[in-house]
């Protein structure tokens, strides 16, 4: 009988807890004046950041938070420098940042996933443990995640992608592209255009590349202690190198590793 009473009490307790009203959230949208250089310092976890362009003349930041004086997220703005912090631990959520044209961006974070879309100018983004996903960027771009993954697609300019342990994925990027990681993996795919200069480097991580229309592309691949496999027509290959030297090269593709394996194949 005692067990039945305890069980009934437990059920009633759960029902009472479940019926408690949840703290309401409110959608906030705040505008800030445009500046040529914008810096974001993100000092809290569980906040994903999305940054994309807008034609509006002001910087707009939108996010969800508790109402009125119960708000946890703090945005401190001082002459183009945003410090985003929290008074307490927050539940996972997303903050959207919309930038007018002509803003150069610097973002520093620790455990923040970051999405970048349709941006141009000088873009520098660094997160320690979060992932970075970027597409349609133009200009001088630097992306770095020590322990997270980095994806860069359909971008053009002077592009730098750095990692340590995560996966770097590069698709259809053009201009001068340098990507490097220590233990992570680099996946590259796309066509090398005239003037493109691609350089990929790892210490122990593998590099897997798929190239389209390589007839006029200069290819130079080598490793110190790893292995090289190149499935490309008219390629000069050894166990640790492969090279394709057309008479009139239109673009350049190079890969270097210390211990990492390299696989390059051509796709028509």
Protein backbone atom coordinates (compact mmCIF):
# COMPACT_ATOMS: atom_id res chain seq x y z
CA UNK A 1 0.00 0.00 0.00
CA UNK A 2 2.87 2.33 0.80
CA UNK A 3 4.40 1.76 -2.64
CA UNK A 4 1.09 2.63 -4.33
CA UNK A 5 0.82 5.89 -2.34
CA UNK A 6 4.39 6.87 -3.26
CA UNK A 7 3.72 6.11 -6.92
CA UNK A 8 0.50 8.20 -6.89
CA UNK A 9 2.33 11.09 -5.23
CA UNK A 10 5.07 10.91 -7.91
CA UNK A 11 2.47 11.06 -10.71
CA UNK A 12 0.74 14.06 -9.13
CA UNK A 13 4.12 15.80 -8.75
CA UNK A 14 4.92 15.31 -12.42
CA UNK A 15 1.51 16.64 -13.45
CA UNK A 16 1.92 19.72 -11.28
CA UNK A 17 5.40 20.41 -12.63
CA UNK A 18 4.22 19.90 -16.21
CA UNK A 19 1.37 22.36 -15.70
CA UNK A 20 3.64 25.14 -14.50
CA UNK A 21 3.66 28.02 -17.02
CA UNK A 22 6.89 28.38 -18.97
CA UNK A 23 8.70 31.69 -18.94
CA UNK A 24 7.64 33.54 -22.11
CA UNK A 25 10.18 34.51 -24.76
CA UNK A 26 10.13 37.72 -26.73
CA UNK A 27 11.57 38.44 -30.17
CA UNK A 28 13.97 41.40 -30.08
CA UNK A 29 15.10 43.43 -33.11
CA UNK A 30 17.65 46.19 -32.53
CA UNK A 31 19.23 48.60 -35.03
CA UNK A 32 22.69 50.13 -34.82
CA UNK A 33 24.41 52.73 -37.04
CA UNK A 34 26.52 51.43 -39.91
CA UNK A 35 30.30 51.62 -39.51
CA UNK A 36 33.00 50.67 -42.01
CA UNK A 37 34.48 48.10 -39.62
CA UNK A 38 32.33 45.93 -37.34
CA UNK A 39 33.78 43.73 -34.59
CA UNK A 40 31.84 41.05 -32.72
CA UNK A 41 33.18 39.49 -29.52
CA UNK A 42 30.95 36.57 -28.53
CA UNK A 43 31.47 35.59 -24.90
CA UNK A 44 28.74 32.99 -24.32
CA UNK A 45 27.97 29.43 -25.36
CA UNK A 46 24.80 27.94 -26.88
CA UNK A 47 24.32 30.88 -29.24
CA UNK A 48 24.53 30.25 -32.98
CA UNK A 49 25.33 33.32 -35.08
CA UNK A 50 24.02 33.94 -38.61
CA UNK A 51 25.43 36.91 -40.53
CA UNK A 52 24.21 37.94 -43.95
CA UNK A 53 23.83 41.07 -46.06
CA UNK A 54 20.91 43.43 -46.30
CA UNK A 55 20.18 46.57 -48.28
CA UNK A 56 19.03 48.43 -45.17
CA UNK A 57 21.27 51.35 -44.12
CA UNK A 58 21.64 50.12 -40.51
CA UNK A 59 23.00 47.05 -38.74
CA UNK A 60 20.13 44.93 -37.47
CA UNK A 61 20.39 42.23 -34.77
CA UNK A 62 17.47 39.92 -33.99
CA UNK A 63 17.21 37.22 -31.32
CA UNK A 64 14.87 35.66 -28.78
CA UNK A 65 15.23 36.20 -25.07
CA UNK A 66 13.21 36.37 -21.87
CA UNK A 67 10.96 39.36 -21.38
CA UNK A 68 11.84 42.72 -19.82
CA UNK A 69 14.15 42.62 -16.81
CA UNK A 70 14.58 38.83 -17.09
CA UNK A 71 16.64 39.16 -20.26
CA UNK A 72 19.86 37.14 -20.18
CA UNK A 73 21.64 38.19 -23.38
CA UNK A 74 23.59 41.44 -23.15
CA UNK A 75 24.72 43.37 -26.23
CA UNK A 76 27.21 46.10 -25.47
CA UNK A 77 27.93 48.43 -28.40
CA UNK A 78 30.81 50.89 -28.47
CA UNK A 79 31.77 52.58 -31.77
CA UNK A 80 31.49 49.56 -34.05
CA UNK A 81 32.51 46.97 -31.42
CA UNK A 82 29.81 44.56 -30.23
CA UNK A 83 30.38 42.48 -27.11
CA UNK A 84 27.73 39.78 -26.81
CA UNK A 85 27.58 38.15 -23.38
CA UNK A 86 25.10 36.72 -20.89
CA UNK A 87 24.19 37.22 -17.27
CA UNK A 88 23.47 33.51 -16.92
CA UNK A 89 23.51 30.25 -18.87
CA UNK A 90 21.10 30.40 -21.81
CA UNK A 91 19.21 27.71 -23.69
CA UNK A 92 20.40 27.09 -27.28
CA UNK A 93 19.17 29.71 -29.74
CA UNK A 94 20.13 31.65 -32.87
CA UNK A 95 21.04 35.30 -33.32
CA UNK A 96 20.75 36.87 -36.77
CA UNK A 97 22.95 39.80 -37.74
CA UNK A 98 22.13 41.71 -40.93
CA UNK A 99 24.83 44.00 -42.28
CA UNK A 100 24.47 46.75 -44.89
CA UNK A 101 26.93 46.75 -47.83
CA UNK A 102 30.43 48.01 -47.15
CA UNK A 103 30.90 46.58 -43.65
CA UNK A 104 34.18 44.80 -42.91
CA UNK A 105 33.72 42.09 -40.29
CA UNK A 106 35.77 40.65 -37.46
CA UNK A 107 34.26 38.00 -35.20
CA UNK A 108 35.86 36.18 -32.26
CA UNK A 109 34.07 33.39 -30.40
CA UNK A 110 34.74 30.24 -28.37
CA UNK A 111 31.98 27.63 -28.69
CA UNK A 112 29.80 29.30 -31.31
CA UNK A 113 28.53 27.93 -34.62
CA UNK A 114 28.69 30.64 -37.26
CA UNK A 115 26.93 30.96 -40.62
CA UNK A 116 27.98 33.57 -43.19
CA UNK A 117 26.10 34.32 -46.42
CA UNK A 118 26.26 36.86 -49.25
CA UNK A 119 28.95 39.07 -47.70
CA UNK A 120 31.76 41.11 -49.25
CA UNK A 121 34.80 43.01 -47.99
CA UNK A 122 37.35 42.07 -45.34
CA UNK A 123 35.94 39.16 -43.36
CA UNK A 124 37.77 37.56 -40.43
CA UNK A 125 36.00 34.91 -38.34
CA UNK A 126 37.59 32.80 -35.60
CA UNK A 127 35.92 30.30 -33.29
CA UNK A 128 37.68 27.81 -31.02
CA UNK A 129 35.23 24.93 -30.87
CA UNK A 130 32.33 25.87 -33.14
CA UNK A 131 31.62 25.16 -36.80
CA UNK A 132 31.78 27.75 -39.58
CA UNK A 133 29.57 27.51 -42.66
CA UNK A 134 30.13 30.19 -45.32
CA UNK A 135 28.85 30.71 -48.85
CA UNK A 136 28.91 33.43 -51.50
CA UNK A 137 31.63 35.53 -49.89
CA UNK A 138 33.71 38.02 -51.87
CA UNK A 139 36.88 39.83 -50.84
CA UNK A 140 39.62 39.06 -48.35
CA UNK A 141 38.30 36.23 -46.21
CA UNK A 142 39.89 34.48 -43.23
CA UNK A 143 38.03 31.62 -41.51
CA UNK A 144 39.48 29.61 -38.62
CA UNK A 145 38.11 26.97 -36.27
CA UNK A 146 40.50 25.04 -34.05
CA UNK A 147 38.26 22.09 -33.16
CA UNK A 148 35.23 22.61 -35.38
CA UNK A 149 34.44 22.06 -39.06
CA UNK A 150 34.73 24.77 -41.72
CA UNK A 151 32.76 24.82 -44.98
CA UNK A 152 33.34 27.43 -47.71
CA UNK A 153 31.31 27.37 -50.92
CA UNK A 154 30.95 29.54 -54.03
CA UNK A 155 33.27 32.29 -52.85
CA UNK A 156 35.87 34.44 -54.60
CA UNK A 157 38.85 36.53 -53.55
CA UNK A 158 41.83 36.05 -51.28
CA UNK A 159 40.56 33.16 -49.18
CA UNK A 160 42.20 31.59 -46.11
CA UNK A 161 40.73 28.61 -44.25
CA UNK A 162 42.50 27.22 -41.19
CA UNK A 163 41.75 24.34 -38.83
CA UNK A 164 43.39 21.90 -36.45
CA UNK A 165 41.19 18.83 -35.91
CA UNK A 166 37.96 19.35 -37.84
CA UNK A 167 36.90 18.83 -41.46
CA UNK A 168 37.50 21.56 -44.03
CA UNK A 169 35.13 21.35 -47.02
CA UNK A 170 35.75 23.57 -50.04
CA UNK A 171 33.45 23.67 -53.06
CA UNK A 172 33.58 25.89 -56.14
CA UNK A 173 35.80 28.65 -54.76
CA UNK A 174 38.00 30.87 -56.93
CA UNK A 175 40.86 33.33 -56.66
CA UNK A 176 43.76 32.75 -54.28
CA UNK A 177 42.77 30.03 -51.81
CA UNK A 178 44.97 28.69 -48.99
CA UNK A 179 43.64 26.00 -46.67
CA UNK A 180 45.61 24.28 -43.90
CA UNK A 181 44.96 21.94 -40.99
CA UNK A 182 47.02 19.80 -38.62
CA UNK A 183 45.03 16.63 -37.88
CA UNK A 184 41.87 17.41 -39.81
CA UNK A 185 40.68 16.44 -43.28
CA UNK A 186 40.44 18.67 -46.36
CA UNK A 187 37.79 17.95 -49.00
CA UNK A 188 38.13 20.01 -52.18
CA UNK A 189 35.96 19.94 -55.28
CA UNK A 190 35.42 22.28 -58.20
CA UNK A 191 36.86 23.65 -61.40
CA UNK A 192 40.11 25.61 -61.54
CA UNK A 193 39.56 28.83 -63.50
CA UNK A 194 42.14 31.05 -65.20
CA UNK A 195 44.08 32.90 -62.52
CA UNK A 196 43.04 30.58 -59.69
CA UNK A 197 45.82 29.68 -57.26
CA UNK A 198 44.83 26.89 -54.86
CA UNK A 199 47.16 25.60 -52.11
CA UNK A 200 46.08 22.93 -49.61
CA UNK A 201 48.26 21.72 -46.74
CA UNK A 202 47.99 19.31 -43.81
CA UNK A 203 50.37 17.82 -41.30
CA UNK A 204 48.78 14.41 -40.61
CA UNK A 205 45.31 14.82 -42.05
CA UNK A 206 44.24 13.49 -45.47
CA UNK A 207 43.38 15.58 -48.53
CA UNK A 208 40.70 14.37 -50.97
CA UNK A 209 40.25 16.47 -54.12
CA UNK A 210 37.98 16.18 -57.15
CA UNK A 211 38.88 18.49 -60.04
CA UNK A 212 36.87 19.23 -63.16
CA UNK A 213 38.41 20.03 -66.58
CA UNK A 214 42.07 19.76 -65.58
CA UNK A 215 43.59 19.76 -69.08
CA UNK A 216 45.00 23.30 -68.72
CA UNK A 217 45.59 23.23 -64.95
CA UNK A 218 49.05 23.09 -63.39
CA UNK A 219 48.95 20.40 -60.68
CA UNK A 220 51.71 19.86 -58.14
CA UNK A 221 51.15 17.39 -55.29
CA UNK A 222 53.68 16.04 -52.81
CA UNK A 223 54.07 14.51 -49.35
CA UNK A 224 57.01 13.92 -47.05
CA UNK A 225 55.93 10.68 -45.36
CA UNK A 226 52.40 10.01 -46.61
CA UNK A 227 51.14 8.54 -49.88
CA UNK A 228 49.86 10.14 -53.09
CA UNK A 229 47.24 8.83 -55.52
CA UNK A 230 46.40 10.90 -58.62
CA UNK A 231 43.80 9.71 -61.12
CA UNK A 232 44.42 12.38 -63.74
CA UNK A 233 45.31 12.01 -67.41
CA UNK A 234 48.86 12.87 -68.50
CA UNK A 235 50.12 12.97 -64.92
CA UNK A 236 53.69 12.33 -63.80
CA UNK A 237 53.45 10.33 -60.59
CA UNK A 238 55.56 8.65 -57.95
CA UNK A 239 54.47 7.22 -54.58
CA UNK A 240 54.93 10.65 -52.96
CA UNK A 241 54.39 13.12 -55.82
CA UNK A 242 52.31 13.83 -58.88
CA UNK A 243 52.59 16.64 -61.36
CA UNK A 244 50.69 17.88 -64.39
CA UNK A 245 52.45 20.61 -66.41
CA UNK A 246 50.44 21.82 -69.42
CA UNK A 247 52.19 24.00 -71.98
CA UNK A 248 49.93 26.99 -71.22
CA UNK A 249 48.60 26.59 -67.67
CA UNK A 250 45.44 28.56 -66.91
CA UNK A 251 45.29 27.91 -63.17
CA UNK A 252 47.29 26.34 -60.35
CA UNK A 253 46.41 23.57 -57.89
CA UNK A 254 48.91 22.39 -55.25
CA UNK A 255 48.72 20.06 -52.25
CA UNK A 256 51.32 19.35 -49.56
CA UNK A 257 51.27 17.06 -46.52
CA UNK A 258 53.82 15.79 -44.04
CA UNK A 259 52.17 12.48 -43.04
CA UNK A 260 48.74 12.81 -44.58
CA UNK A 261 47.51 10.83 -47.57
CA UNK A 262 46.54 12.69 -50.77
CA UNK A 263 43.95 11.57 -53.31
CA UNK A 264 43.30 13.63 -56.44
CA UNK A 265 40.96 12.61 -59.22
CA UNK A 266 39.68 14.32 -62.35
CA UNK A 267 36.02 14.54 -63.18
CA UNK A 268 34.93 15.63 -66.66
